[in-house]
Protein backbone atom coordinates (compact mmCIF):
# COMPACT_ATOMS: atom_id res chain seq x y z
CA MET A 1 146.98 88.80 108.61
CA ASN A 2 143.76 88.38 106.66
CA LYS A 3 141.61 85.47 107.75
CA ILE A 4 140.33 83.47 104.80
CA LEU A 5 138.61 80.48 106.34
CA LEU A 6 137.82 81.80 109.81
CA ALA A 7 136.91 85.39 108.83
CA ASN A 8 133.28 84.99 109.85
CA ILE A 9 133.45 81.91 112.03
CA ASP A 10 132.33 83.73 115.20
CA LYS A 11 129.79 86.02 113.55
CA PRO A 12 126.18 85.59 114.76
CA GLU A 13 124.11 83.09 112.76
CA GLN A 14 126.86 82.57 110.18
CA ALA A 15 125.53 79.08 109.51
CA SER A 16 122.35 80.56 108.03
CA LEU A 17 122.08 81.41 104.34
CA SER A 18 120.77 84.92 104.98
CA LYS A 19 123.74 85.93 107.13
CA TYR A 20 126.21 84.15 104.83
CA ARG A 21 124.93 86.11 101.82
CA GLU A 22 124.76 89.31 103.85
CA ARG A 23 128.51 88.97 104.42
CA GLY A 24 129.30 88.39 100.73
CA GLY A 25 128.53 84.70 100.44
CA TYR A 26 128.00 83.17 96.97
CA LYS A 27 129.46 86.23 95.21
CA ALA A 28 132.47 84.10 94.30
CA LEU A 29 130.20 81.44 92.80
CA GLU A 30 128.51 84.11 90.68
CA LYS A 31 131.93 85.21 89.45
CA ALA A 32 133.03 81.62 88.79
CA LEU A 33 129.92 80.93 86.71
CA SER A 34 130.87 83.84 84.42
CA MET A 35 134.29 82.30 83.71
CA ALA A 36 135.22 79.56 81.28
CA GLN A 37 135.71 76.24 83.06
CA PRO A 38 139.34 75.73 81.88
CA ALA A 39 140.16 79.28 83.02
CA LEU A 40 138.76 78.46 86.46
CA VAL A 41 141.04 75.42 86.73
CA GLU A 42 144.02 77.56 85.71
CA GLU A 43 143.11 80.18 88.32
CA VAL A 44 143.19 77.55 91.07
CA LYS A 45 146.49 76.26 89.70
CA ALA A 46 147.95 79.76 89.79
CA SER A 47 146.87 80.24 93.42
CA GLY A 48 149.21 77.45 94.54
CA LEU A 49 146.47 75.93 96.73
CA ARG A 50 147.49 72.47 97.90
CA GLY A 51 145.23 69.80 99.37
CA ARG A 52 144.65 70.37 103.08
CA GLY A 53 143.69 66.81 103.92
CA GLY A 54 147.27 65.71 104.53
CA ALA A 55 148.93 64.86 101.22
CA GLY A 56 149.43 68.48 100.11
CA PHE A 57 148.99 67.75 96.39
CA PRO A 58 148.36 70.85 94.20
CA THR A 59 144.59 71.21 93.86
CA GLY A 60 144.42 72.71 90.37
CA MET A 61 146.78 70.07 89.04
CA LYS A 62 144.61 67.34 90.56
CA TRP A 63 141.62 68.80 88.74
CA SER A 64 143.51 68.90 85.45
CA PHE A 65 144.08 65.12 85.61
CA VAL A 66 140.35 64.42 85.26
CA ASP A 67 139.78 62.26 82.19
CA ARG A 68 136.81 63.58 80.20
CA SER A 69 137.63 61.71 77.01
CA LYS A 70 135.34 58.73 77.71
CA GLY A 71 132.14 60.72 78.01
CA LYS A 72 131.45 59.53 81.55
CA PRO A 73 130.06 61.87 84.22
CA VAL A 74 132.56 63.61 86.52
CA TYR A 75 132.04 63.42 90.28
CA LEU A 76 133.29 65.66 93.09
CA LEU A 77 133.51 64.07 96.53
CA CYS A 78 134.08 66.21 99.60
CA ASN A 79 136.13 64.31 102.17
CA ALA A 80 134.60 65.37 105.47
CA ASP A 81 135.60 62.18 107.27
CA GLU A 82 138.28 63.95 109.37
CA SER A 83 139.39 60.78 111.13
CA GLU A 84 142.97 61.75 112.02
CA PRO A 85 143.40 61.92 115.83
CA GLY A 86 144.15 65.49 116.89
CA THR A 87 142.27 67.03 113.95
CA PHE A 88 138.98 68.92 114.29
CA LYS A 89 139.26 71.91 111.93
CA ASP A 90 136.80 70.65 109.31
CA ARG A 91 134.20 70.09 112.00
CA LEU A 92 134.46 73.76 112.96
CA LEU A 93 133.99 74.91 109.36
CA MET A 94 130.96 72.69 108.79
CA GLU A 95 129.40 73.52 112.13
CA ARG A 96 129.87 77.30 112.05
CA ASP A 97 130.13 78.21 108.34
CA PRO A 98 128.69 75.35 106.24
CA HIS A 99 127.82 77.51 103.24
CA LEU A 100 131.52 78.32 102.77
CA MET A 101 132.19 74.65 102.05
CA ILE A 102 129.06 74.36 99.87
CA GLU A 103 130.07 77.41 97.83
CA GLY A 104 133.57 75.98 97.39
CA MET A 105 132.07 72.68 96.25
CA ALA A 106 129.82 74.46 93.76
CA ILE A 107 132.81 76.36 92.33
CA ALA A 108 134.84 73.16 92.03
CA SER A 109 131.90 71.30 90.49
CA TYR A 110 131.47 73.98 87.83
CA ALA A 111 135.20 73.97 87.05
CA LEU A 112 135.09 70.18 86.63
CA ASP A 113 131.75 70.17 84.78
CA CYS A 114 130.44 67.98 87.59
CA HIS A 115 126.68 67.79 88.15
CA LEU A 116 126.50 65.39 91.10
CA SER A 117 128.56 65.82 94.25
CA TYR A 118 128.67 64.06 97.62
CA ILE A 119 129.79 65.14 101.08
CA TYR A 120 131.17 62.10 102.93
CA ILE A 121 130.90 62.86 106.67
CA ARG A 122 132.14 60.54 109.37
CA GLY A 123 129.45 58.84 111.42
CA GLU A 124 130.41 60.51 114.71
CA TYR A 125 129.68 63.89 113.11
CA GLU A 126 125.94 63.29 112.85
CA PHE A 127 125.17 66.58 114.60
CA VAL A 128 127.43 68.37 112.10
CA ALA A 129 125.72 66.54 109.24
CA ASN A 130 122.39 67.94 110.44
CA THR A 131 123.81 71.47 110.26
CA VAL A 132 125.17 70.88 106.76
CA GLN A 133 121.88 69.35 105.61
CA LYS A 134 120.02 72.43 106.81
CA ALA A 135 122.41 74.59 104.79
CA LEU A 136 121.91 72.39 101.72
CA ASP A 137 118.13 72.70 102.10
CA GLU A 138 118.50 76.49 102.22
CA ALA A 139 120.71 76.44 99.12
CA TYR A 140 118.16 74.38 97.18
CA ALA A 141 115.29 76.64 98.29
CA ALA A 142 117.25 79.69 97.09
CA LYS A 143 118.03 77.95 93.77
CA ILE A 144 121.76 78.06 94.47
CA LEU A 145 121.69 74.30 93.91
CA GLY A 146 119.43 72.31 91.65
CA PRO A 147 118.63 72.35 87.91
CA SER A 148 119.76 75.94 87.40
CA VAL A 149 122.55 77.14 89.71
CA LEU A 150 121.96 80.85 90.39
CA GLY A 151 119.83 80.99 87.26
CA LYS A 152 122.62 79.77 84.98
CA ASP A 153 122.58 76.88 82.52
CA PHE A 154 124.36 74.59 84.97
CA ALA A 155 122.75 71.89 87.09
CA LEU A 156 124.23 70.65 90.36
CA ASP A 157 122.93 68.29 93.00
CA MET A 158 124.71 67.78 96.32
CA PHE A 159 124.07 65.06 98.88
CA ILE A 160 125.40 63.99 102.28
CA HIS A 161 126.57 60.43 102.93
CA LEU A 162 127.27 59.42 106.53
CA GLY A 163 130.05 56.91 107.05
CA GLN A 164 130.29 54.56 110.02
CA GLY A 165 133.33 56.03 111.72
CA ALA A 166 136.09 54.01 110.04
CA TYR A 167 139.49 55.75 110.00
CA ILE A 168 140.39 54.02 106.76
CA CYS A 169 137.56 55.79 104.92
CA GLY A 170 139.53 59.02 105.16
CA GLU A 171 141.71 57.52 102.42
CA GLU A 172 140.16 58.59 99.12
CA THR A 173 139.74 55.18 97.47
CA SER A 174 138.32 53.67 100.67
CA LEU A 175 135.92 56.59 100.80
CA ILE A 176 134.83 55.81 97.23
CA GLU A 177 134.33 52.12 98.05
CA SER A 178 132.23 53.03 101.08
CA LEU A 179 130.18 55.53 99.09
CA GLU A 180 129.45 52.81 96.54
CA GLY A 181 128.08 50.60 99.34
CA ASN A 182 131.09 48.33 99.66
CA ARG A 183 133.44 47.59 102.54
CA GLY A 184 135.90 50.47 102.94
CA TYR A 185 138.96 48.75 101.49
CA PRO A 186 141.60 50.91 99.78
CA ARG A 187 142.10 50.31 96.06
CA ILE A 188 145.39 49.57 94.36
CA LYS A 189 146.55 52.54 92.27
CA PRO A 190 146.78 53.02 89.33
CA PRO A 191 144.17 53.52 88.04
CA PHE A 192 143.68 56.74 89.96
CA PRO A 193 140.30 58.30 90.82
CA ALA A 194 140.85 61.01 88.19
CA SER A 195 140.13 58.37 85.56
CA HIS A 196 138.47 55.50 87.48
CA GLY A 197 136.88 56.71 90.69
CA PHE A 198 133.29 56.71 91.91
CA MET A 199 131.19 54.40 89.73
CA ALA A 200 134.30 53.80 87.58
CA SER A 201 134.06 57.41 86.43
CA PRO A 202 136.41 60.42 86.64
CA THR A 203 136.39 61.63 90.25
CA VAL A 204 138.02 64.34 92.34
CA VAL A 205 138.21 63.95 96.12
CA ASN A 206 138.96 67.18 97.98
CA ASN A 207 139.06 67.95 101.70
CA VAL A 208 136.65 70.39 103.43
CA GLU A 209 139.37 72.96 104.15
CA THR A 210 140.64 72.82 100.57
CA LEU A 211 137.18 73.47 99.11
CA ALA A 212 136.41 76.19 101.66
CA ALA A 213 139.42 78.20 100.43
CA LEU A 214 138.04 78.44 96.87
CA PRO A 215 135.49 81.27 97.36
CA TRP A 216 138.20 83.63 98.66
CA ILE A 217 140.59 82.66 95.86
CA ILE A 218 138.02 83.26 93.12
CA GLN A 219 136.71 86.48 94.65
CA ASN A 220 140.13 88.00 95.37
CA GLY A 221 142.23 86.39 92.65
CA ALA A 222 144.92 83.73 92.54
CA ALA A 223 147.71 86.29 92.87
CA ALA A 224 146.36 87.56 96.19
CA TYR A 225 146.29 84.04 97.61
CA ALA A 226 149.73 83.16 96.21
CA ALA A 227 151.15 86.31 97.85
CA MET A 228 150.57 84.70 101.24
CA GLY A 229 152.69 81.91 102.66
CA THR A 230 156.01 80.70 101.29
CA GLU A 231 157.40 80.01 97.83
CA LYS A 232 156.01 76.46 97.69
CA SER A 233 153.41 76.51 100.46
CA LYS A 234 150.89 79.21 99.55
CA GLY A 235 148.03 80.73 101.47
CA THR A 236 146.84 80.05 104.99
CA LYS A 237 146.40 76.84 106.97
CA LEU A 238 144.10 75.78 109.77
CA PHE A 239 145.70 74.08 112.77
CA SER A 240 143.72 72.10 115.34
CA VAL A 241 145.70 72.50 118.56
CA SER A 242 145.22 70.17 121.51
CA GLY A 243 147.29 68.91 124.41
CA HIS A 244 149.11 70.91 127.04
CA VAL A 245 148.49 74.44 125.78
CA ALA A 246 146.68 77.28 127.52
CA LYS A 247 144.29 77.89 124.62
CA PRO A 248 143.48 74.74 122.62
CA GLY A 249 141.37 75.33 119.53
CA VAL A 250 141.47 75.96 115.79
CA TYR A 251 143.74 78.72 114.46
CA GLU A 252 144.40 80.10 110.99
CA VAL A 253 147.87 81.38 110.12
CA GLU A 254 149.86 81.97 106.98
CA MET A 255 152.04 79.12 105.82
CA GLY A 256 155.58 79.64 107.05
CA TYR A 257 154.60 80.84 110.54
CA PRO A 258 157.26 79.79 113.11
CA LEU A 259 156.13 76.72 115.08
CA LEU A 260 157.24 77.94 118.51
CA ASP A 261 155.75 81.41 117.91
CA PHE A 262 152.51 79.72 117.00
CA ILE A 263 152.43 77.72 120.24
CA ASN A 264 153.31 80.73 122.37
CA ASN A 265 151.44 83.53 120.59
CA GLU A 266 148.36 81.80 119.21
CA ALA A 267 147.81 78.84 121.56
CA GLY A 268 148.82 80.73 124.71
CA GLY A 269 152.01 78.78 125.44
CA ILE A 270 152.42 75.65 127.55
CA ALA A 271 149.75 75.41 130.24
CA ASN A 272 150.42 75.63 133.98
CA GLY A 273 153.93 76.98 133.54
CA ARG A 274 155.31 73.63 132.41
CA LYS A 275 158.03 73.12 129.80
CA LEU A 276 157.60 71.93 126.24
CA LYS A 277 158.67 68.33 125.72
CA ALA A 278 157.47 67.40 122.24
CA VAL A 279 155.12 68.35 119.41
CA ILE A 280 153.20 66.17 116.97
CA PRO A 281 152.60 68.81 114.27
CA GLY A 282 150.26 67.16 111.78
CA GLY A 283 148.05 64.61 113.50
CA SER A 284 148.95 61.37 115.29
CA SER A 285 150.34 59.69 112.16
CA VAL A 286 153.36 61.99 111.69
CA PRO A 287 156.78 61.77 113.39
CA VAL A 288 157.09 63.58 116.70
CA LEU A 289 159.49 66.51 117.20
CA THR A 290 161.42 67.03 120.43
CA ALA A 291 161.39 70.50 121.99
CA GLY A 292 164.90 71.09 120.66
CA GLU A 293 163.94 70.06 117.15
CA CYS A 294 161.14 72.65 117.12
CA GLU A 295 163.65 75.51 117.12
CA GLY A 296 163.57 77.36 113.81
CA VAL A 297 160.89 75.11 112.28
CA LEU A 298 158.22 76.83 110.19
CA LEU A 299 154.66 75.68 109.63
CA ASP A 300 154.82 74.75 105.97
CA TYR A 301 155.25 71.55 103.99
CA GLU A 302 158.94 72.00 103.18
CA SER A 303 160.20 73.18 106.58
CA LEU A 304 158.47 70.38 108.46
CA ALA A 305 159.72 67.80 105.94
CA LYS A 306 163.25 69.13 106.44
CA ALA A 307 162.77 68.68 110.21
CA GLY A 308 161.88 65.03 109.59
CA THR A 309 158.12 65.23 110.03
CA MET A 310 155.02 66.32 108.09
CA LEU A 311 152.41 69.08 108.05
CA GLY A 312 149.73 66.42 107.55
CA SER A 313 146.23 67.56 108.41
CA GLY A 314 147.45 70.24 110.81
CA GLY A 315 146.35 68.34 113.91
CA MET A 316 148.93 69.71 116.34
CA ILE A 317 149.31 67.85 119.64
CA VAL A 318 151.53 69.66 122.16
CA LEU A 319 153.10 67.63 124.98
CA ASP A 320 154.65 69.05 128.17
CA ASP A 321 157.34 67.60 130.43
CA THR A 322 154.84 65.59 132.49
CA THR A 323 154.03 63.38 129.48
CA SER A 324 154.94 59.70 129.46
CA MET A 325 156.03 59.08 125.89
CA PRO A 326 155.61 55.27 126.14
CA GLU A 327 152.02 55.65 127.37
CA THR A 328 151.24 58.21 124.66
CA LEU A 329 152.67 55.97 121.94
CA SER A 330 150.77 52.96 123.29
CA VAL A 331 147.49 54.87 122.90
CA ILE A 332 148.41 55.87 119.34
CA ALA A 333 149.43 52.32 118.39
CA ASP A 334 146.23 50.93 119.89
CA PHE A 335 144.25 53.24 117.65
CA TYR A 336 145.93 52.11 114.44
CA ALA A 337 145.66 48.44 115.40
CA HIS A 338 141.94 48.92 115.93
CA GLU A 339 141.45 50.88 112.69
CA SER A 340 143.42 48.64 110.31
CA CYS A 341 140.97 47.35 107.72
CA GLY A 342 142.82 44.02 107.58
CA GLN A 343 143.21 43.88 103.80
CA CYS A 344 147.03 43.84 103.85
CA THR A 345 148.87 41.30 106.00
CA PRO A 346 151.79 43.57 107.06
CA CYS A 347 149.31 46.13 108.41
CA ARG A 348 146.75 43.69 109.83
CA GLU A 349 149.39 41.75 111.77
CA GLY A 350 152.02 44.42 112.31
CA THR A 351 149.78 47.04 113.91
CA GLY A 352 148.46 44.44 116.34
CA TRP A 353 151.92 43.15 117.26
CA ALA A 354 153.20 46.68 117.85
CA ALA A 355 150.24 47.56 120.06
CA LYS A 356 150.74 44.40 122.18
CA ILE A 357 154.46 45.00 122.63
CA LEU A 358 153.85 48.60 123.72
CA LYS A 359 151.16 47.54 126.19
CA ASN A 360 153.59 45.08 127.73
CA ILE A 361 156.29 47.74 128.01
CA VAL A 362 153.94 50.24 129.68
CA ALA A 363 152.80 47.50 132.07
CA GLY A 364 156.43 46.83 133.07
CA LYS A 365 156.48 43.42 131.39
CA GLY A 366 158.66 44.34 128.43
CA LYS A 367 162.32 43.74 127.60
CA ARG A 368 164.80 46.13 126.05
CA SER A 369 165.08 43.81 123.09
CA ASP A 370 161.38 44.52 122.45
CA LEU A 371 162.36 48.00 121.30
CA ASP A 372 164.53 46.61 118.51
CA LEU A 373 161.72 44.20 117.67
CA LEU A 374 159.34 47.16 117.37
CA LEU A 375 161.69 48.88 114.92
CA LYS A 376 162.05 45.65 112.96
CA ILE A 377 158.26 45.37 112.70
CA CYS A 378 158.20 48.95 111.42
CA ASP A 379 160.66 48.01 108.67
CA ARG A 380 158.41 45.10 107.66
CA MET A 381 155.33 47.34 107.50
CA GLU A 382 156.51 50.57 105.91
CA GLY A 383 155.79 50.91 102.20
CA LYS A 384 154.46 47.36 101.90
CA THR A 385 150.71 47.95 101.92
CA ILE A 386 148.05 49.29 99.55
CA CYS A 387 147.32 52.43 101.57
CA PRO A 388 149.38 54.51 104.04
CA LEU A 389 147.74 53.26 107.26
CA ALA A 390 150.70 51.02 108.09
CA ASP A 391 153.04 53.96 107.48
CA ALA A 392 150.81 56.10 109.71
CA ASP A 393 151.53 53.63 112.54
CA VAL A 394 155.22 53.28 111.71
CA MET A 395 156.08 57.00 111.74
CA PRO A 396 155.09 57.73 115.34
CA ILE A 397 156.45 54.39 116.62
CA ARG A 398 159.85 54.86 115.02
CA SER A 399 160.20 58.51 116.05
CA PHE A 400 158.98 58.00 119.65
CA VAL A 401 161.21 54.97 120.26
CA THR A 402 164.26 56.53 118.62
CA LYS A 403 164.00 59.96 120.23
CA PHE A 404 162.80 58.94 123.69
CA ARG A 405 164.37 55.48 123.97
CA ASN A 406 165.57 56.06 127.52
CA GLU A 407 161.97 56.40 128.71
CA PHE A 408 161.02 53.09 127.11
CA GLU A 409 164.11 51.35 128.50
CA ALA A 410 163.33 52.63 131.99
CA LEU A 411 160.07 50.64 131.91
CA CYS A 412 161.71 47.43 130.76
CA ALA A 413 162.75 44.75 133.26
CA ASN A 414 165.96 43.78 131.46
């Protein structure tokens, strides 16, 4: 299978502009600049590329929603916050091949007629931000960015903004609020960023992985990209694999790759000869799958949805038969309680209550009735908040408690 995103990830000095260009870098941007902007949007639509940040919304369609009728500037924001536990693919791209993301951003900016773009990087990624800044400096010096992109009549400036490590700022409207200098509270939608985003202007927020796929798509054509993957999930996907596997890391496979084959063939199988117990396929916020439920599941949006979970950000956490599911869930719930921004009462209170109940259960102080209380709290949280953080807490709680209830009951006194 052709590697699109990781093709040059291990090549010497790939982070430098000279080596990136030596291996074909910025040729796709040259091609894009020779195309009409509407045609570029249609090309991305035809590729079937969907957002790789978690939601999976068609990228070209998202671009087409941008409202240019009011004469306001259009902004492109690169979501490099990557705050989902279990996810570290964007970090690898920015650290090893930053110009790939920058070229993708330049292509997207031209397609959107955007002249000012920001890269929002989470605060803990300061060392990655330094690498990206060096790449931006190289791009400016080579006149790839600035008042005349590659000598064309198109100006583009690109800046880094470091967040402060808030999970909620991975949500696009919270990201926009933070970028504007406000507290990272999610906004009620509508209006959507496509019409009222950054500085109340038309805005597109795309993930690092999504933008990094654009150079290959433009250089090789939409049809070549659409030929990979499945009918509705096109192209390749990066998976950050952690947990009880022999070879944790970041892997690129075509959409539709069998889940169990991926664990065994790419990630080296379950470590230390243990047995598979469960898999969280898309980051800590998606429902867990038991080992039995993994049979026949494919790594694409539709197959995972049919199995009752989500592809999410591709942060795959593999758990073996030594794992305590109550302890694992308690850690996850603790995280969401800590990261709730507090704007919505069901989330602010519910995440905290759930975390306390789970701590009591793990400590042997819980009751079996607490499990039903947990599920009741989930019902009171799900779908009742401005952003999906409450749902991100509910999905693992409900799936862990339902599928592994005997483990939770075994820790309860009565």
